[in-house]
Amino acid sequence: MANLIFLASYPKSGNTWVRTFISNLINEKDECVNINNLNTDGIYSSRQILDSVMGIESSDLSPEEADIQRPKVYNHLAKKINRNLYIKAHDAYTYLEDGTPLFSTVNTKAIYIIRNPLDVAVSFANHISKDLDTSIEYMRTPDFCFCLNDHNATPQLRQKLLSWSLHVESWVKASEIDVHFVRYEDMKLDAYNTFKKIVEFIGLDYNETQIQKAISKSDFNILKEQEQKNGFKERLGKCNSFFRKGEVGDWRNHLSQEQSAKIINDNKEMMKQFGYLDKDNNPIY
C-alpha cells in the first residue's frame, strides 16, 4: 500500500541527507541523483501544492486559515496515490483549534530525524546567516516560526517550529501516526544499520548491496561538491553554503562554555531521552 511518508525534523538535523538517500535508493542508476532534482515530493509547507489541490490562492488566506487546509490537502492526496510520497517537513506536530492534527493522518507514516542541539545551533546559525547567540535564542523560543510573513510573499506557508525541545516532544507525543526516530549521529556512526531500519520502516524491498550503494552515493562530500558546482535551491540567500561540515561534535569548536551550558539547560530532558547527555548532564557527543 502506498503511503505519505513525512520526513520531519528541526532544521539542520539531516533531513536533506535522508531525502538524498531515499532518492538514490529508488533511482537505481549508477550516477548520483542531483540535489536540485531529488526524487521526493516537496515540503509540507509548500504554497504551490496547496494552491494546486485546493484551486485557491493561499496568499489570500491568513496563516491560521491556511493551516486548516493543509491536512485536508494531504488527506485528499493520500487517498489517490499509487506510490509513496516523500514529504519534507519542518513543522512541529501541532493541532488546530478544533483538535485536528496539523499533519494529515490518512495512510501516513513519519520519519523524525533528530540531531544533537549543540551541533544544530552551529549549523542553524550558518543556515540563517545569524550569530550563534541569535540561533540559540531562536531554538529556545516556544513560539518560534519559519516564514512568518504578513505579506504572504514567501513560497512556503508559516511553519511553527516552537523551541527545539518542544519540536522534538511534539513528534514524540504524536499519537495519530506511526513515527520512526532516527538520530543524525547514528547515520554517521552506523550508517548501514540506521538506513536499513529506515528502509524497513517505510516497507521497501532492497537488499544490502542496494542500500550500501545508496549510502555511498549520498556521501556528504558528494552533496557538498554538487552544491559548489551547481548551487542548491534550498540554500537561503545569505548563506554561503548549505552543506557546511556535517560533523558530529563540531559544536566544541564554536560554542563558548556559556552558550553550550544554555543549550543544555534549555533542552536537557529531551537530550537525555535521546542519549545526548549522561546522567550528570555532560554531553556524550
Protein backbone atom coordinates (compact mmCIF):
# COMPACT_ATOMS: atom_id res chain seq x y z
CA MET A 1 0.00 0.00 0.00
CA ALA A 2 1.24 3.47 -0.86
CA ASN A 3 1.79 5.91 1.99
CA LEU A 4 2.53 9.51 2.70
CA ILE A 5 5.98 9.43 4.30
CA PHE A 6 6.74 12.61 6.22
CA LEU A 7 10.46 13.27 6.61
CA ALA A 8 10.30 15.57 9.60
CA SER A 9 12.98 17.40 11.54
CA TYR A 10 14.03 20.61 13.16
CA PRO A 11 16.13 22.46 10.53
CA LYS A 12 19.74 21.36 10.02
CA SER A 13 19.27 17.91 11.50
CA GLY A 14 19.93 15.69 8.46
CA ASN A 15 16.66 15.91 6.55
CA THR A 16 18.37 16.53 3.20
CA TRP A 17 20.68 13.59 3.76
CA VAL A 18 17.72 11.23 4.32
CA ARG A 19 15.90 12.58 1.27
CA THR A 20 19.02 12.16 -0.85
CA PHE A 21 19.47 8.58 0.37
CA ILE A 22 15.87 7.70 -0.48
CA SER A 23 16.25 9.35 -3.89
CA ASN A 24 19.41 7.39 -4.66
CA LEU A 25 17.80 4.17 -3.42
CA ILE A 26 14.69 4.38 -5.58
CA ASN A 27 16.56 5.88 -8.54
CA GLU A 28 18.64 2.69 -9.02
CA LYS A 29 21.01 4.33 -11.51
CA ASP A 30 24.78 4.37 -11.41
CA GLU A 31 25.09 8.15 -11.21
CA CYS A 32 24.26 10.08 -8.06
CA VAL A 33 20.98 11.98 -8.00
CA ASN A 34 21.17 15.73 -8.40
CA ILE A 35 20.46 17.50 -5.10
CA ASN A 36 18.38 20.03 -7.04
CA ASN A 37 16.23 17.27 -8.51
CA LEU A 38 15.61 14.78 -5.71
CA ASN A 39 13.07 12.00 -6.24
CA THR A 40 10.96 13.25 -3.35
CA ASP A 41 7.77 15.25 -3.31
CA GLY A 42 8.28 18.71 -1.92
CA ILE A 43 7.73 20.21 1.51
CA TYR A 44 4.59 20.13 3.63
CA SER A 45 4.57 23.92 3.84
CA SER A 46 4.53 24.41 0.06
CA ARG A 47 2.11 27.07 -1.15
CA GLN A 48 2.23 25.62 -4.66
CA ILE A 49 0.90 22.22 -3.57
CA LEU A 50 -1.90 23.74 -1.50
CA ASP A 51 -2.87 26.14 -4.29
CA SER A 52 -2.92 23.46 -6.98
CA VAL A 53 -5.01 20.99 -4.98
CA MET A 54 -7.43 23.49 -3.46
CA GLY A 55 -7.72 25.69 -6.55
CA ILE A 56 -7.25 28.81 -4.44
CA GLU A 57 -4.54 31.36 -3.77
CA SER A 58 -3.08 30.69 -0.34
CA SER A 59 -1.81 34.27 -0.33
CA ASP A 60 -5.45 35.26 0.24
CA LEU A 61 -5.54 33.22 3.44
CA SER A 62 -4.29 34.03 6.91
CA PRO A 63 -1.72 31.59 8.36
CA GLU A 64 -4.48 30.12 10.53
CA GLU A 65 -6.81 29.66 7.55
CA ALA A 66 -4.02 28.05 5.52
CA ASP A 67 -3.26 25.64 8.37
CA ILE A 68 -6.88 24.44 8.33
CA GLN A 69 -6.48 23.47 4.66
CA ARG A 70 -3.12 21.70 4.94
CA PRO A 71 -4.27 18.36 6.43
CA LYS A 72 -7.27 18.36 4.09
CA VAL A 73 -4.99 18.70 1.05
CA TYR A 74 -2.71 15.84 2.04
CA ASN A 75 -5.51 13.57 3.24
CA HIS A 76 -7.00 14.07 -0.23
CA LEU A 77 -3.69 13.21 -1.90
CA ALA A 78 -3.16 10.16 0.33
CA LYS A 79 -6.42 8.62 -0.85
CA LYS A 80 -5.38 8.88 -4.51
CA ILE A 81 -1.70 7.93 -4.60
CA ASN A 82 -0.40 4.71 -6.14
CA ARG A 83 3.17 5.16 -4.89
CA ASN A 84 4.77 6.52 -1.73
CA LEU A 85 5.01 10.29 -1.45
CA TYR A 86 8.05 11.52 0.47
CA ILE A 87 7.27 14.92 2.01
CA LYS A 88 9.83 17.03 3.83
CA ALA A 89 8.53 18.86 6.92
CA HIS A 90 10.00 21.27 9.46
CA ASP A 91 6.72 21.95 11.29
CA ALA A 92 6.28 20.78 14.84
CA TYR A 93 3.44 18.28 15.28
CA THR A 94 0.74 20.69 16.43
CA TYR A 95 -3.05 20.76 16.46
CA LEU A 96 -5.66 23.10 15.04
CA GLU A 97 -8.20 24.83 17.28
CA ASP A 98 -10.72 22.02 16.78
CA GLY A 99 -8.19 19.38 17.85
CA THR A 100 -7.36 18.18 14.33
CA PRO A 101 -3.65 17.43 13.82
CA LEU A 102 -1.88 19.87 11.52
CA PHE A 103 -0.48 16.84 9.71
CA SER A 104 -2.64 14.58 7.61
CA THR A 105 -3.14 11.12 9.10
CA VAL A 106 -4.59 9.08 6.21
CA ASN A 107 -2.16 6.35 5.05
CA THR A 108 0.63 8.22 6.81
CA LYS A 109 3.98 7.37 8.37
CA ALA A 110 6.70 9.71 9.59
CA ILE A 111 10.45 9.53 9.97
CA TYR A 112 11.71 12.04 12.51
CA ILE A 113 15.39 12.96 12.23
CA ILE A 114 16.94 14.32 15.41
CA ARG A 115 20.39 15.81 15.94
CA ASN A 116 22.30 16.99 18.99
CA PRO A 117 21.03 20.56 19.56
CA LEU A 118 24.57 21.70 20.33
CA ASP A 119 25.53 20.89 16.73
CA VAL A 120 22.17 22.11 15.41
CA ALA A 121 22.79 25.56 16.92
CA VAL A 122 26.03 25.96 14.94
CA SER A 123 24.61 24.71 11.64
CA PHE A 124 21.38 26.67 12.10
CA ALA A 125 23.33 29.89 12.66
CA ASN A 126 25.15 29.32 9.38
CA HIS A 127 21.90 28.46 7.59
CA ILE A 128 20.08 31.63 8.63
CA SER A 129 23.22 33.82 8.46
CA LYS A 130 22.91 34.88 12.11
CA ASP A 131 25.31 34.78 15.02
CA LEU A 132 25.31 31.88 17.46
CA ASP A 133 23.50 33.77 20.21
CA THR A 134 20.64 34.51 17.83
CA SER A 135 20.47 30.88 16.73
CA ILE A 136 20.38 29.74 20.36
CA GLU A 137 17.67 32.29 21.15
CA TYR A 138 15.52 31.05 18.26
CA MET A 139 15.96 27.45 19.42
CA ARG A 140 14.69 28.30 22.92
CA THR A 141 11.71 30.42 21.78
CA PRO A 142 8.47 28.48 22.42
CA ASP A 143 6.53 30.15 19.59
CA PHE A 144 9.30 30.46 17.00
CA CYS A 145 8.10 30.22 13.37
CA PHE A 146 9.61 29.99 9.90
CA CYS A 147 8.11 32.06 7.08
CA LEU A 148 6.01 34.23 9.36
CA ASN A 149 5.27 36.88 6.76
CA ASP A 150 2.35 39.30 6.92
CA HIS A 151 2.51 39.87 3.16
CA ASN A 152 2.45 36.17 2.17
CA ALA A 153 5.43 36.82 -0.10
CA THR A 154 7.33 33.59 0.63
CA PRO A 155 6.87 30.36 -1.37
CA GLN A 156 6.21 28.49 1.86
CA LEU A 157 3.46 28.74 4.43
CA ARG A 158 4.12 29.59 8.05
CA GLN A 159 5.79 26.76 9.94
CA LYS A 160 5.58 26.56 13.73
CA LEU A 161 8.93 25.24 14.89
CA LEU A 162 8.45 26.12 18.57
CA SER A 163 11.57 25.60 20.67
CA TRP A 164 13.94 22.74 19.85
CA SER A 165 12.71 20.66 22.79
CA LEU A 166 9.06 21.38 22.10
CA HIS A 167 9.58 20.42 18.45
CA VAL A 168 11.06 17.07 19.43
CA GLU A 169 8.48 16.47 22.15
CA SER A 170 5.62 17.21 19.74
CA TRP A 171 6.72 14.35 17.50
CA VAL A 172 7.38 12.05 20.46
CA LYS A 173 3.77 12.59 21.53
CA ALA A 174 2.27 12.32 18.02
CA SER A 175 -0.25 9.53 18.58
CA GLU A 176 -2.20 9.62 15.33
CA ILE A 177 0.60 8.35 13.08
CA ASP A 178 3.46 5.86 13.27
CA VAL A 179 6.77 7.68 13.82
CA HIS A 180 10.25 6.21 13.42
CA PHE A 181 13.02 8.20 15.14
CA VAL A 182 16.47 8.45 13.60
CA ARG A 183 19.47 10.14 15.18
CA TYR A 184 21.84 12.03 12.90
CA GLU A 185 24.76 10.66 14.90
CA ASP A 186 23.70 7.08 14.16
CA MET A 187 23.52 7.88 10.45
CA LYS A 188 27.15 8.98 10.72
CA LEU A 189 28.46 6.29 13.05
CA ASP A 190 26.42 3.24 11.97
CA ALA A 191 25.16 4.19 8.53
CA TYR A 192 24.15 0.81 7.15
CA ASN A 193 22.07 -0.40 10.10
CA THR A 194 20.47 3.01 10.57
CA PHE A 195 19.46 3.42 6.93
CA LYS A 196 18.39 -0.23 6.75
CA LYS A 197 15.89 0.43 9.56
CA ILE A 198 14.57 3.42 7.60
CA VAL A 199 14.05 1.20 4.55
CA GLU A 200 12.29 -1.46 6.63
CA PHE A 201 10.06 1.12 8.34
CA ILE A 202 8.94 2.54 5.01
CA GLY A 203 8.27 -1.00 3.78
CA LEU A 204 10.69 -1.00 0.83
CA ASP A 205 12.30 -4.16 -0.52
CA TYR A 206 16.00 -3.50 -1.11
CA ASN A 207 18.98 -5.72 -0.34
CA GLU A 208 22.23 -4.90 1.47
CA THR A 209 24.13 -4.10 -1.74
CA GLN A 210 21.47 -1.65 -2.90
CA ILE A 211 21.31 0.07 0.48
CA GLN A 212 25.09 0.36 0.72
CA LYS A 213 25.25 1.78 -2.79
CA ALA A 214 22.62 4.42 -1.97
CA ILE A 215 24.54 5.36 1.19
CA SER A 216 27.76 5.77 -0.79
CA LYS A 217 26.07 7.94 -3.42
CA SER A 218 24.65 10.15 -0.65
CA ASP A 219 28.01 10.85 0.97
CA PHE A 220 28.28 14.34 2.47
CA ASN A 221 31.31 15.21 0.34
CA ILE A 222 29.37 14.37 -2.83
CA LEU A 223 26.50 16.63 -1.77
CA LYS A 224 28.89 19.45 -0.88
CA GLU A 225 30.68 19.11 -4.22
CA GLN A 226 27.37 19.24 -6.09
CA GLU A 227 26.45 22.44 -4.26
CA GLN A 228 29.81 24.01 -5.04
CA LYS A 229 29.40 23.23 -8.75
CA ASN A 230 25.71 23.93 -9.28
CA GLY A 231 24.38 25.62 -6.15
CA PHE A 232 21.49 24.30 -4.09
CA LYS A 233 18.00 25.71 -4.38
CA GLU A 234 17.28 25.14 -0.68
CA ARG A 235 20.17 27.33 0.46
CA LEU A 236 18.94 30.58 1.94
CA GLY A 237 20.08 33.71 0.13
CA LYS A 238 22.76 34.99 2.52
CA CYS A 239 24.12 31.58 3.49
CA ASN A 240 27.49 30.80 1.90
CA SER A 241 27.00 27.03 1.90
CA PHE A 242 24.06 24.78 2.79
CA PHE A 243 26.36 21.79 3.35
CA ARG A 244 28.82 23.12 5.93
CA LYS A 245 30.74 20.32 7.67
CA GLY A 246 28.24 17.66 8.67
CA GLU A 247 30.43 16.55 11.57
CA VAL A 248 29.40 15.10 14.91
CA GLY A 249 30.63 17.21 17.83
CA ASP A 250 31.78 20.23 15.79
CA TRP A 251 29.99 22.43 18.35
CA ARG A 252 33.07 22.09 20.56
CA ASN A 253 34.97 24.24 18.05
CA HIS A 254 32.41 27.05 18.06
CA LEU A 255 30.30 27.33 21.21
CA SER A 256 31.52 29.03 24.34
CA GLN A 257 31.07 27.32 27.69
CA GLU A 258 28.24 29.73 28.47
CA GLN A 259 26.48 29.05 25.15
CA SER A 260 26.71 25.27 25.44
CA ALA A 261 25.50 25.43 29.06
CA LYS A 262 22.46 27.46 27.99
CA ILE A 263 21.54 24.93 25.30
CA ILE A 264 21.95 22.02 27.71
CA ASN A 265 19.91 23.74 30.41
CA ASP A 266 17.13 24.52 27.92
CA ASN A 267 16.97 21.03 26.45
CA LYS A 268 18.35 18.57 28.98
CA GLU A 269 15.18 16.45 29.27
CA MET A 270 14.96 15.72 25.53
CA MET A 271 18.74 15.48 25.24
CA LYS A 272 18.81 12.80 27.92
CA GLN A 273 15.88 10.95 26.37
CA PHE A 274 17.75 10.64 23.07
CA GLY A 275 21.17 9.89 24.53
CA TYR A 276 22.93 13.23 24.12
CA LEU A 277 23.69 13.71 27.84
CA ASP A 278 24.92 11.35 30.53
CA LYS A 279 23.36 11.14 33.99
CA ASP A 280 25.42 14.16 35.11
CA ASN A 281 24.26 16.27 32.14
CA ASN A 282 27.62 16.02 30.39
CA PRO A 283 27.49 15.90 26.56
CA ILE A 284 28.11 12.47 25.08
CA TYR A 285 28.79 13.70 21.52
